[in-house]
Amino acid sequence: MTEGKTGLDRRQVVETSIGVLAEMVRRPAETISEQTRLFEELGLDSVNTLELLMHLEELLRFQFDADTLEQRYLETVGTLASYVVDQAGR
């Protein structure tokens, strides 16, 4: 289990992200996995992405850093979760 200083573990971040995404795109959570591509498969755009990040900040009590958040971290649920855990541990 990978855990940052804030107590966030990767599984918690993945599960929370999937829950938020399932609600946003109106799909069953079990159809979304770590490998699910946010833009290509779920059809997110810049507005949806901002909404996702805001929900995750609130639910995970984590603040995204606009200086370090790059497009590559928004490829899949898994890359986003890895970014959050890595940043939370700094």
Protein backbone atom coordinates (compact mmCIF):
# COMPACT_ATOMS: atom_id res chain seq x y z
CA MET A 1 0.00 0.00 0.00
CA THR A 2 1.45 3.33 -1.03
CA GLU A 3 0.60 6.04 1.45
CA GLY A 4 1.46 9.73 1.59
CA LYS A 5 1.94 11.93 4.64
CA THR A 6 -1.72 12.88 4.54
CA GLY A 7 -2.75 9.26 5.03
CA LEU A 8 -3.93 8.83 1.45
CA ASP A 9 -3.39 5.37 0.10
CA ARG A 10 -3.54 4.57 -3.59
CA ARG A 11 -6.52 2.22 -3.32
CA GLN A 12 -8.53 4.91 -1.52
CA VAL A 13 -7.67 7.45 -4.23
CA VAL A 14 -8.59 5.00 -7.02
CA GLU A 15 -11.90 4.07 -5.39
CA THR A 16 -12.82 7.69 -4.72
CA SER A 17 -11.89 8.70 -8.27
CA ILE A 18 -13.95 5.88 -9.76
CA GLY A 19 -16.93 6.83 -7.60
CA VAL A 20 -16.79 10.47 -8.68
CA LEU A 21 -16.27 9.57 -12.33
CA ALA A 22 -19.12 7.04 -12.34
CA GLU A 23 -21.49 9.70 -11.08
CA MET A 24 -20.18 12.32 -13.48
CA VAL A 25 -20.48 10.18 -16.62
CA ARG A 26 -23.47 8.20 -15.39
CA ARG A 27 -21.86 4.77 -15.70
CA PRO A 28 -21.73 1.92 -13.21
CA ALA A 29 -18.55 2.15 -11.13
CA GLU A 30 -17.67 -1.45 -11.98
CA THR A 31 -17.22 -0.43 -15.65
CA ILE A 32 -14.39 1.94 -14.67
CA SER A 33 -10.92 0.72 -13.67
CA GLU A 34 -7.41 2.06 -13.13
CA GLN A 35 -6.77 1.59 -16.84
CA THR A 36 -9.82 3.59 -17.95
CA ARG A 37 -8.74 6.55 -20.07
CA LEU A 38 -10.34 9.77 -18.83
CA PHE A 39 -10.66 11.59 -22.14
CA GLU A 40 -10.85 8.80 -24.73
CA GLU A 41 -13.11 6.38 -22.85
CA LEU A 42 -15.08 8.61 -20.51
CA GLY A 43 -15.29 11.63 -22.78
CA LEU A 44 -14.06 14.15 -20.23
CA ASP A 45 -13.24 17.65 -21.40
CA SER A 46 -11.51 20.52 -19.62
CA VAL A 47 -14.66 21.54 -17.73
CA ASN A 48 -15.36 17.96 -16.55
CA THR A 49 -11.72 17.58 -15.56
CA LEU A 50 -11.87 20.69 -13.40
CA GLU A 51 -15.06 19.38 -11.80
CA LEU A 52 -13.36 16.02 -11.13
CA LEU A 53 -10.36 17.69 -9.52
CA MET A 54 -12.57 19.88 -7.34
CA HIS A 55 -14.55 16.86 -6.11
CA LEU A 56 -11.36 14.94 -5.37
CA GLU A 57 -9.88 17.88 -3.47
CA GLU A 58 -12.97 18.02 -1.27
CA LEU A 59 -13.35 14.26 -0.73
CA LEU A 60 -9.65 13.48 -0.25
CA ARG A 61 -8.76 16.74 1.49
CA PHE A 62 -5.96 17.17 -1.00
CA GLN A 63 -4.92 20.32 -2.85
CA PHE A 64 -3.84 19.94 -6.49
CA ASP A 65 -0.78 21.97 -7.42
CA ALA A 66 -1.37 23.68 -10.76
CA ASP A 67 2.41 23.97 -11.23
CA THR A 68 2.97 20.20 -11.14
CA LEU A 69 -0.28 18.85 -12.59
CA GLU A 70 0.44 17.92 -16.21
CA GLN A 71 -1.69 16.33 -18.92
CA ARG A 72 0.18 13.03 -18.58
CA TYR A 73 -1.21 12.62 -15.05
CA LEU A 74 -4.73 12.81 -16.46
CA GLU A 75 -4.40 9.92 -18.92
CA THR A 76 -6.06 7.22 -16.80
CA VAL A 77 -7.62 6.75 -13.39
CA GLY A 78 -4.37 5.06 -12.35
CA THR A 79 -2.05 7.86 -13.46
CA LEU A 80 -4.21 10.38 -11.63
CA ALA A 81 -4.17 8.24 -8.47
CA SER A 82 -0.38 7.87 -8.64
CA TYR A 83 0.00 11.64 -8.99
CA VAL A 84 -2.23 12.32 -5.98
CA VAL A 85 -0.42 9.81 -3.75
CA ASP A 86 2.98 11.09 -4.86
CA GLN A 87 2.05 14.74 -4.25
CA ALA A 88 0.35 13.99 -0.93
CA GLY A 89 3.58 12.39 0.28
CA ARG A 90 5.67 15.52 -0.34
